[in-house]
């Protein structure tokens, strides 16, 4: 090997902490109480064989609500292992492929939870991201096996603008939803005057703007404003029923955080 050859395996990653003014979990009606979100990612990147990723995230509720509905927001751990490959096929164009397995542990829930002793959900995960000179397109599909079988998807576009002097602005727009089984399990049958007839398709739309500032090399601080809008009628009915407990079908929320890469 020549002295100036790249290392066969490069280790890199990031850690960050974010404050959200609302809990807007995927596939759920948003809960209008603040949360603290922390995550860590470690990547082993090879020259020719792609990369392996380990990802861990923890969600802490900052709410003092302790009823049966809201307990599930107290603490959640996500653990994800993925394999990925980046396909560079033109100047400024890249396709990033990721395949992984995800474990979701809801520590606030008392077992058994739908037949799972440790209140753990398990999913397979596929994500494709097309980076272009103008915008990035992405699509992710999750296949949940435990505690029920269902398919969740999320697709959207992002664009980052360099404002100069260390500032950048990122915009994002996305839609998410699932198949009939996913939507029925995530929103429930119990709380409306008629049993909802869920169908497959998108359930909500989201949009957001995030302003970032580079404090120093590999460290950024950011603030953002985001918007959530439920578009599926059956899911909106569940939100209206639980509005007094903090659920919202349409919600503007804020985020602030610190990101450190290495």
C-alpha atoms as a PDB file:
ATOM      1  CA  UNK A   1       0.000   0.000   0.000  1.00  0.00           C
ATOM      2  CA  UNK A   2       1.265   3.485  -0.876  1.00  0.00           C
ATOM      3  CA  UNK A   3       1.733   5.951   1.948  1.00  0.00           C
ATOM      4  CA  UNK A   4      -0.855   8.339   0.505  1.00  0.00           C
ATOM      5  CA  UNK A   5      -3.523   5.663   0.017  1.00  0.00           C
ATOM      6  CA  UNK A   6      -6.685   6.130   2.114  1.00  0.00           C
ATOM      7  CA  UNK A   7      -7.172   3.897   5.110  1.00  0.00           C
ATOM      8  CA  UNK A   8      -9.054   0.646   4.274  1.00  0.00           C
ATOM      9  CA  UNK A   9     -11.594   1.433   7.024  1.00  0.00           C
ATOM     10  CA  UNK A  10     -12.458   4.957   8.177  1.00  0.00           C
ATOM     11  CA  UNK A  11     -14.273   5.488  11.470  1.00  0.00           C
ATOM     12  CA  UNK A  12     -16.566   8.493  11.847  1.00  0.00           C
ATOM     13  CA  UNK A  13     -19.785   9.508  13.553  1.00  0.00           C
ATOM     14  CA  UNK A  14     -21.741  12.186  15.385  1.00  0.00           C
ATOM     15  CA  UNK A  15     -23.556  12.984  18.627  1.00  0.00           C
ATOM     16  CA  UNK A  16     -26.283  15.563  19.121  1.00  0.00           C
ATOM     17  CA  UNK A  17     -28.965  16.790  21.494  1.00  0.00           C
ATOM     18  CA  UNK A  18     -32.192  18.495  20.419  1.00  0.00           C
ATOM     19  CA  UNK A  19     -35.133  20.058  22.243  1.00  0.00           C
ATOM     20  CA  UNK A  20     -38.558  19.832  20.586  1.00  0.00           C
ATOM     21  CA  UNK A  21     -41.576  21.796  21.753  1.00  0.00           C
ATOM     22  CA  UNK A  22     -43.811  18.830  20.816  1.00  0.00           C
ATOM     23  CA  UNK A  23     -43.562  15.055  20.380  1.00  0.00           C
ATOM     24  CA  UNK A  24     -44.114  14.343  16.677  1.00  0.00           C
ATOM     25  CA  UNK A  25     -43.329  10.647  16.397  1.00  0.00           C
ATOM     26  CA  UNK A  26     -43.667   8.894  13.037  1.00  0.00           C
ATOM     27  CA  UNK A  27     -47.121   7.640  12.310  1.00  0.00           C
ATOM     28  CA  UNK A  28     -48.643   9.186  15.445  1.00  0.00           C
ATOM     29  CA  UNK A  29     -50.870  12.133  16.188  1.00  0.00           C
ATOM     30  CA  UNK A  30     -48.487  14.757  17.646  1.00  0.00           C
ATOM     31  CA  UNK A  31     -48.495  15.319  21.369  1.00  0.00           C
ATOM     32  CA  UNK A  32     -48.240  18.993  22.371  1.00  0.00           C
ATOM     33  CA  UNK A  33     -45.667  18.625  25.151  1.00  0.00           C
ATOM     34  CA  UNK A  34     -41.878  19.142  24.930  1.00  0.00           C
ATOM     35  CA  UNK A  35     -39.281  16.369  24.562  1.00  0.00           C
ATOM     36  CA  UNK A  36     -35.497  16.030  24.630  1.00  0.00           C
ATOM     37  CA  UNK A  37     -33.982  13.943  21.836  1.00  0.00           C
ATOM     38  CA  UNK A  38     -30.394  12.601  21.895  1.00  0.00           C
ATOM     39  CA  UNK A  39     -28.683  10.446  19.292  1.00  0.00           C
ATOM     40  CA  UNK A  40     -25.348   8.826  18.490  1.00  0.00           C
ATOM     41  CA  UNK A  41     -24.104   7.299  15.245  1.00  0.00           C
ATOM     42  CA  UNK A  42     -20.881   5.383  14.540  1.00  0.00           C
ATOM     43  CA  UNK A  43     -19.864   4.496  10.964  1.00  0.00           C
ATOM     44  CA  UNK A  44     -17.207   2.093   9.680  1.00  0.00           C
ATOM     45  CA  UNK A  45     -16.631   3.191   6.060  1.00  0.00           C
ATOM     46  CA  UNK A  46     -14.606   1.016   3.671  1.00  0.00           C
ATOM     47  CA  UNK A  47     -13.114   1.996   0.330  1.00  0.00           C
ATOM     48  CA  UNK A  48     -14.925  -0.603  -1.789  1.00  0.00           C
ATOM     49  CA  UNK A  49     -17.381  -2.594   0.342  1.00  0.00           C
ATOM     50  CA  UNK A  50     -19.735   0.081   1.619  1.00  0.00           C
ATOM     51  CA  UNK A  51     -20.231   0.920   5.272  1.00  0.00           C
ATOM     52  CA  UNK A  52     -21.647  -0.441   8.508  1.00  0.00           C
ATOM     53  CA  UNK A  53     -23.585   1.870  10.826  1.00  0.00           C
ATOM     54  CA  UNK A  54     -24.638   1.724  14.457  1.00  0.00           C
ATOM     55  CA  UNK A  55     -27.278   4.234  15.543  1.00  0.00           C
ATOM     56  CA  UNK A  56     -28.742   4.839  19.006  1.00  0.00           C
ATOM     57  CA  UNK A  57     -31.362   7.426  19.967  1.00  0.00           C
ATOM     58  CA  UNK A  58     -33.155   8.225  23.217  1.00  0.00           C
ATOM     59  CA  UNK A  59     -36.326  10.280  23.587  1.00  0.00           C
ATOM     60  CA  UNK A  60     -37.093  11.813  27.003  1.00  0.00           C
ATOM     61  CA  UNK A  61     -40.482  13.327  27.718  1.00  0.00           C
ATOM     62  CA  UNK A  62     -40.291  16.664  29.540  1.00  0.00           C
ATOM     63  CA  UNK A  63     -43.970  16.370  30.446  1.00  0.00           C
ATOM     64  CA  UNK A  64     -45.254  15.487  33.901  1.00  0.00           C
ATOM     65  CA  UNK A  65     -48.281  13.670  32.479  1.00  0.00           C
ATOM     66  CA  UNK A  66     -48.563  10.129  33.832  1.00  0.00           C
ATOM     67  CA  UNK A  67     -51.897   8.805  32.601  1.00  0.00           C
ATOM     68  CA  UNK A  68     -52.130   5.562  30.616  1.00  0.00           C
ATOM     69  CA  UNK A  69     -52.126   7.282  27.245  1.00  0.00           C
ATOM     70  CA  UNK A  70     -49.155   9.577  27.804  1.00  0.00           C
ATOM     71  CA  UNK A  71     -46.846   7.234  29.711  1.00  0.00           C
ATOM     72  CA  UNK A  72     -45.506   5.841  26.466  1.00  0.00           C
ATOM     73  CA  UNK A  73     -43.777   9.166  25.757  1.00  0.00           C
ATOM     74  CA  UNK A  74     -41.623   9.097  28.912  1.00  0.00           C
ATOM     75  CA  UNK A  75     -38.545   7.255  27.563  1.00  0.00           C
ATOM     76  CA  UNK A  76     -37.959   5.483  24.269  1.00  0.00           C
ATOM     77  CA  UNK A  77     -34.735   3.880  23.001  1.00  0.00           C
ATOM     78  CA  UNK A  78     -34.081   3.207  19.312  1.00  0.00           C
ATOM     79  CA  UNK A  79     -31.228   0.920  18.222  1.00  0.00           C
ATOM     80  CA  UNK A  80     -30.473   0.554  14.508  1.00  0.00           C
ATOM     81  CA  UNK A  81     -27.820  -1.455  12.644  1.00  0.00           C
ATOM     82  CA  UNK A  82     -27.487  -0.768   8.919  1.00  0.00           C
ATOM     83  CA  UNK A  83     -25.368  -1.663   5.916  1.00  0.00           C
ATOM     84  CA  UNK A  84     -25.067   0.926   3.189  1.00  0.00           C
ATOM     85  CA  UNK A  85     -23.423   1.807  -0.083  1.00  0.00           C
ATOM     86  CA  UNK A  86     -23.018   5.140  -1.876  1.00  0.00           C
ATOM     87  CA  UNK A  87     -23.277   5.103  -5.666  1.00  0.00           C
ATOM     88  CA  UNK A  88     -21.562   8.105  -7.287  1.00  0.00           C
ATOM     89  CA  UNK A  89     -22.559   8.262 -10.943  1.00  0.00           C
ATOM     90  CA  UNK A  90     -22.062  11.929 -11.936  1.00  0.00           C
ATOM     91  CA  UNK A  91     -20.512  15.106 -10.606  1.00  0.00           C
ATOM     92  CA  UNK A  92     -22.639  16.150  -7.642  1.00  0.00           C
ATOM     93  CA  UNK A  93     -25.033  13.176  -8.012  1.00  0.00           C
ATOM     94  CA  UNK A  94     -25.110  10.297  -5.537  1.00  0.00           C
ATOM     95  CA  UNK A  95     -27.494   7.501  -4.527  1.00  0.00           C
ATOM     96  CA  UNK A  96     -27.205   6.397  -0.891  1.00  0.00           C
ATOM     97  CA  UNK A  97     -28.696   2.968  -0.139  1.00  0.00           C
ATOM     98  CA  UNK A  98     -29.271   1.712   3.416  1.00  0.00           C
ATOM     99  CA  UNK A  99     -30.646  -1.591   4.751  1.00  0.00           C
ATOM    100  CA  UNK A 100     -31.013  -2.170   8.469  1.00  0.00           C
ATOM    101  CA  UNK A 101     -32.767  -3.698  11.465  1.00  0.00           C
ATOM    102  CA  UNK A 102     -34.365  -1.499  14.124  1.00  0.00           C
ATOM    103  CA  UNK A 103     -35.272  -2.211  17.751  1.00  0.00           C
ATOM    104  CA  UNK A 104     -37.600   0.203  19.604  1.00  0.00           C
ATOM    105  CA  UNK A 105     -37.769  -0.108  23.392  1.00  0.00           C
ATOM    106  CA  UNK A 106     -40.522   1.816  25.211  1.00  0.00           C
ATOM    107  CA  UNK A 107     -39.261   1.743  28.774  1.00  0.00           C
ATOM    108  CA  UNK A 108     -42.298   3.600  30.150  1.00  0.00           C
ATOM    109  CA  UNK A 109     -44.619   0.772  29.137  1.00  0.00           C
ATOM    110  CA  UNK A 110     -45.095  -2.048  31.597  1.00  0.00           C
ATOM    111  CA  UNK A 111     -44.780  -5.547  30.080  1.00  0.00           C
ATOM    112  CA  UNK A 112     -46.419  -7.433  28.629  1.00  0.00           C
ATOM    113  CA  UNK A 113     -47.222  -4.985  25.800  1.00  0.00           C
ATOM    114  CA  UNK A 114     -49.227  -6.681  23.058  1.00  0.00           C
ATOM    115  CA  UNK A 115     -47.499  -9.973  23.771  1.00  0.00           C
ATOM    116  CA  UNK A 116     -43.948  -8.581  23.922  1.00  0.00           C
ATOM    117  CA  UNK A 117     -42.335  -9.108  27.330  1.00  0.00           C
ATOM    118  CA  UNK A 118     -39.881  -6.220  27.141  1.00  0.00           C
ATOM    119  CA  UNK A 119     -42.157  -3.768  25.276  1.00  0.00           C
ATOM    120  CA  UNK A 120     -39.911  -3.939  22.230  1.00  0.00           C
ATOM    121  CA  UNK A 121     -40.898  -3.382  18.599  1.00  0.00           C
ATOM    122  CA  UNK A 122     -38.740  -4.721  15.747  1.00  0.00           C
ATOM    123  CA  UNK A 123     -38.575  -3.517  12.154  1.00  0.00           C
ATOM    124  CA  UNK A 124     -36.633  -3.968   8.932  1.00  0.00           C
ATOM    125  CA  UNK A 125     -35.570  -0.668   7.395  1.00  0.00           C
ATOM    126  CA  UNK A 126     -34.754   0.399   3.812  1.00  0.00           C
ATOM    127  CA  UNK A 127     -33.847   3.953   2.808  1.00  0.00           C
ATOM    128  CA  UNK A 128     -32.811   5.452  -0.542  1.00  0.00           C
ATOM    129  CA  UNK A 129     -31.502   9.012  -0.846  1.00  0.00           C
ATOM    130  CA  UNK A 130     -30.770  10.684  -4.175  1.00  0.00           C
ATOM    131  CA  UNK A 131     -28.449  13.681  -3.732  1.00  0.00           C
ATOM    132  CA  UNK A 132     -28.377  16.090  -6.683  1.00  0.00           C
ATOM    133  CA  UNK A 133     -26.893  19.499  -7.390  1.00  0.00           C
ATOM    134  CA  UNK A 134     -30.178  21.160  -6.410  1.00  0.00           C
ATOM    135  CA  UNK A 135     -32.241  19.092  -3.965  1.00  0.00           C
ATOM    136  CA  UNK A 136     -32.082  15.735  -2.187  1.00  0.00           C
ATOM    137  CA  UNK A 137     -34.893  13.198  -2.573  1.00  0.00           C
ATOM    138  CA  UNK A 138     -35.391  10.409  -0.046  1.00  0.00           C
ATOM    139  CA  UNK A 139     -37.755   7.496   0.606  1.00  0.00           C
ATOM    140  CA  UNK A 140     -37.776   5.113   3.588  1.00  0.00           C
ATOM    141  CA  UNK A 141     -39.830   1.970   4.193  1.00  0.00           C
ATOM    142  CA  UNK A 142     -40.149   0.163   7.550  1.00  0.00           C
ATOM    143  CA  UNK A 143     -41.612  -3.333   7.832  1.00  0.00           C
ATOM    144  CA  UNK A 144     -42.695  -3.950  11.439  1.00  0.00           C
ATOM    145  CA  UNK A 145     -42.737  -7.569  12.572  1.00  0.00           C
ATOM    146  CA  UNK A 146     -43.315  -7.174  16.345  1.00  0.00           C
ATOM    147  CA  UNK A 147     -45.715  -6.528  18.073  1.00  0.00           C
ATOM    148  CA  UNK A 148     -47.829  -6.461  14.868  1.00  0.00           C
ATOM    149  CA  UNK A 149     -47.141  -6.653  11.153  1.00  0.00           C
ATOM    150  CA  UNK A 150     -47.350  -3.434   9.204  1.00  0.00           C
ATOM    151  CA  UNK A 151     -45.580  -1.218   6.674  1.00  0.00           C
ATOM    152  CA  UNK A 152     -44.655   2.434   7.241  1.00  0.00           C
ATOM    153  CA  UNK A 153     -43.205   4.814   4.639  1.00  0.00           C
ATOM    154  CA  UNK A 154     -41.813   8.325   4.566  1.00  0.00           C
ATOM    155  CA  UNK A 155     -40.780  10.271   1.476  1.00  0.00           C
ATOM    156  CA  UNK A 156     -39.676  13.849   0.937  1.00  0.00           C
ATOM    157  CA  UNK A 157     -37.229  16.432  -0.368  1.00  0.00           C
ATOM    158  CA  UNK A 158     -34.612  18.615   1.336  1.00  0.00           C
ATOM    159  CA  UNK A 159     -32.543  21.573   0.230  1.00  0.00           C
ATOM    160  CA  UNK A 160     -29.718  23.372   2.066  1.00  0.00           C
ATOM    161  CA  UNK A 161     -28.710  26.955   1.273  1.00  0.00           C
ATOM    162  CA  UNK A 162     -25.298  28.325   2.250  1.00  0.00           C
ATOM    163  CA  UNK A 163     -25.908  31.818   3.656  1.00  0.00           C
ATOM    164  CA  UNK A 164     -22.246  32.593   4.300  1.00  0.00           C
ATOM    165  CA  UNK A 165     -20.420  33.551   7.503  1.00  0.00           C
ATOM    166  CA  UNK A 166     -21.054  30.075   8.960  1.00  0.00           C
ATOM    167  CA  UNK A 167     -24.843  30.149   8.501  1.00  0.00           C
ATOM    168  CA  UNK A 168     -26.942  27.713   6.467  1.00  0.00           C
ATOM    169  CA  UNK A 169     -30.683  27.222   5.985  1.00  0.00           C
ATOM    170  CA  UNK A 170     -32.283  23.803   5.354  1.00  0.00           C
ATOM    171  CA  UNK A 171     -35.823  23.289   4.123  1.00  0.00           C
ATOM    172  CA  UNK A 172     -37.699  19.982   4.136  1.00  0.00           C
ATOM    173  CA  UNK A 173     -41.084  18.755   2.960  1.00  0.00           C
ATOM    174  CA  UNK A 174     -42.297  15.163   3.420  1.00  0.00           C
ATOM    175  CA  UNK A 175     -45.299  12.853   3.568  1.00  0.00           C
ATOM    176  CA  UNK A 176     -45.680   9.691   5.642  1.00  0.00           C
ATOM    177  CA  UNK A 177     -48.187   6.923   6.206  1.00  0.00           C
ATOM    178  CA  UNK A 178     -48.570   3.177   6.001  1.00  0.00           C
ATOM    179  CA  UNK A 179     -50.631   0.223   4.938  1.00  0.00           C
ATOM    180  CA  UNK A 180     -54.027  -0.534   6.480  1.00  0.00           C
ATOM    181  CA  UNK A 181     -52.577  -2.590   9.355  1.00  0.00           C
ATOM    182  CA  UNK A 182     -50.013   0.064  10.275  1.00  0.00           C
ATOM    183  CA  UNK A 183     -52.525   2.925  10.278  1.00  0.00           C
ATOM    184  CA  UNK A 184     -55.104   0.967  12.269  1.00  0.00           C
ATOM    185  CA  UNK A 185     -52.605  -0.020  14.958  1.00  0.00           C
ATOM    186  CA  UNK A 186     -51.011   3.422  15.223  1.00  0.00           C
ATOM    187  CA  UNK A 187     -54.273   5.369  15.500  1.00  0.00           C
ATOM    188  CA  UNK A 188     -56.672   2.880  17.077  1.00  0.00           C
ATOM    189  CA  UNK A 189     -60.289   1.742  16.741  1.00  0.00           C
ATOM    190  CA  UNK A 190     -61.626   2.528  20.177  1.00  0.00           C
ATOM    191  CA  UNK A 191     -62.214   6.215  20.544  1.00  0.00           C
ATOM    192  CA  UNK A 192     -64.694   7.397  17.928  1.00  0.00           C
ATOM    193  CA  UNK A 193     -68.434   6.872  17.717  1.00  0.00           C
ATOM    194  CA  UNK A 194     -67.914   4.546  14.735  1.00  0.00           C
ATOM    195  CA  UNK A 195     -65.149   2.087  13.985  1.00  0.00           C
ATOM    196  CA  UNK A 196     -62.753   3.825  11.570  1.00  0.00           C
ATOM    197  CA  UNK A 197     -62.320   2.205   8.161  1.00  0.00           C
ATOM    198  CA  UNK A 198     -58.596   2.730   7.733  1.00  0.00           C
ATOM    199  CA  UNK A 199     -56.993   2.400   4.333  1.00  0.00           C
ATOM    200  CA  UNK A 200     -53.432   2.369   3.035  1.00  0.00           C
ATOM    201  CA  UNK A 201     -51.880   5.689   2.112  1.00  0.00           C
ATOM    202  CA  UNK A 202     -50.381   8.916   3.468  1.00  0.00           C
ATOM    203  CA  UNK A 203     -51.613  10.103   6.851  1.00  0.00           C
ATOM    204  CA  UNK A 204     -49.836  13.453   7.306  1.00  0.00           C
ATOM    205  CA  UNK A 205     -47.662  16.115   5.722  1.00  0.00           C
ATOM    206  CA  UNK A 206     -44.730  17.934   7.314  1.00  0.00           C
ATOM    207  CA  UNK A 207     -42.631  20.962   6.414  1.00  0.00           C
ATOM    208  CA  UNK A 208     -39.755  22.636   8.211  1.00  0.00           C
ATOM    209  CA  UNK A 209     -37.045  25.288   8.094  1.00  0.00           C
ATOM    210  CA  UNK A 210     -33.840  24.960  10.135  1.00  0.00           C
ATOM    211  CA  UNK A 211     -31.198  27.676  10.555  1.00  0.00           C
ATOM    212  CA  UNK A 212     -27.730  26.367  11.493  1.00  0.00           C
ATOM    213  CA  UNK A 213     -24.556  28.148  12.566  1.00  0.00           C
ATOM    214  CA  UNK A 214     -21.076  26.603  12.641  1.00  0.00           C
ATOM    215  CA  UNK A 215     -19.715  27.377  16.100  1.00  0.00           C
ATOM    216  CA  UNK A 216     -16.380  25.784  15.230  1.00  0.00           C
ATOM    217  CA  UNK A 217     -15.123  22.933  13.049  1.00  0.00           C
ATOM    218  CA  UNK A 218     -17.474  19.910  13.226  1.00  0.00           C
ATOM    219  CA  UNK A 219     -19.865  21.634  15.666  1.00  0.00           C
ATOM    220  CA  UNK A 220     -23.151  23.298  14.715  1.00  0.00           C
ATOM    221  CA  UNK A 221     -25.986  24.908  16.644  1.00  0.00           C
ATOM    222  CA  UNK A 222     -29.433  25.125  15.070  1.00  0.00           C
ATOM    223  CA  UNK A 223     -32.959  26.407  15.573  1.00  0.00           C
ATOM    224  CA  UNK A 224     -35.983  25.561  13.474  1.00  0.00           C
ATOM    225  CA  UNK A 225     -39.709  25.869  12.975  1.00  0.00           C
ATOM    226  CA  UNK A 226     -41.781  22.933  11.709  1.00  0.00           C
ATOM    227  CA  UNK A 227     -45.369  22.266  10.717  1.00  0.00           C
ATOM    228  CA  UNK A 228     -47.404  19.047  11.035  1.00  0.00           C
ATOM    229  CA  UNK A 229     -50.787  18.535   9.314  1.00  0.00           C
ATOM    230  CA  UNK A 230     -52.868  15.362   9.590  1.00  0.00           C
ATOM    231  CA  UNK A 231     -54.637  14.641   6.292  1.00  0.00           C
ATOM    232  CA  UNK A 232     -56.332  11.267   6.896  1.00  0.00           C
ATOM    233  CA  UNK A 233     -59.935  11.709   8.121  1.00  0.00           C
ATOM    234  CA  UNK A 234     -59.938   8.608  10.344  1.00  0.00           C
ATOM    235  CA  UNK A 235     -56.751   9.696  12.092  1.00  0.00           C
ATOM    236  CA  UNK A 236     -58.041  13.252  12.549  1.00  0.00           C
ATOM    237  CA  UNK A 237     -61.074  11.838  14.360  1.00  0.00           C
ATOM    238  CA  UNK A 238     -58.766  10.257  16.937  1.00  0.00           C
ATOM    239  CA  UNK A 239     -56.962  13.566  17.440  1.00  0.00           C
ATOM    240  CA  UNK A 240     -60.184  15.485  18.020  1.00  0.00           C
ATOM    241  CA  UNK A 241     -61.234  12.979  20.672  1.00  0.00           C
ATOM    242  CA  UNK A 242     -57.989  13.404  22.620  1.00  0.00           C
ATOM    243  CA  UNK A 243     -57.487  17.148  22.108  1.00  0.00           C
ATOM    244  CA  UNK A 244     -57.903  17.849  25.827  1.00  0.00           C
ATOM    245  CA  UNK A 245     -54.948  15.557  26.608  1.00  0.00           C
ATOM    246  CA  UNK A 246     -52.579  17.411  24.298  1.00  0.00           C
ATOM    247  CA  UNK A 247     -53.049  15.689  20.941  1.00  0.00           C
ATOM    248  CA  UNK A 248     -53.121  17.967  17.912  1.00  0.00           C
ATOM    249  CA  UNK A 249     -54.060  17.279  14.297  1.00  0.00           C
ATOM    250  CA  UNK A 250     -52.360  20.455  13.078  1.00  0.00           C
ATOM    251  CA  UNK A 251     -49.383  21.773  14.951  1.00  0.00           C
ATOM    252  CA  UNK A 252     -46.545  24.257  14.576  1.00  0.00           C
ATOM    253  CA  UNK A 253     -43.588  23.322  16.768  1.00  0.00           C
ATOM    254  CA  UNK A 254     -40.016  24.454  17.384  1.00  0.00           C
ATOM    255  CA  UNK A 255     -36.651  22.730  17.665  1.00  0.00           C
ATOM    256  CA  UNK A 256     -33.236  23.805  18.954  1.00  0.00           C
ATOM    257  CA  UNK A 257     -30.107  21.713  19.212  1.00  0.00           C
ATOM    258  CA  UNK A 258     -26.378  21.117  19.082  1.00  0.00           C
ATOM    259  CA  UNK A 259     -24.668  18.773  16.599  1.00  0.00           C
ATOM    260  CA  UNK A 260     -21.082  17.471  16.925  1.00  0.00           C
ATOM    261  CA  UNK A 261     -19.418  15.243  14.298  1.00  0.00           C
ATOM    262  CA  UNK A 262     -16.095  13.410  14.504  1.00  0.00           C
END
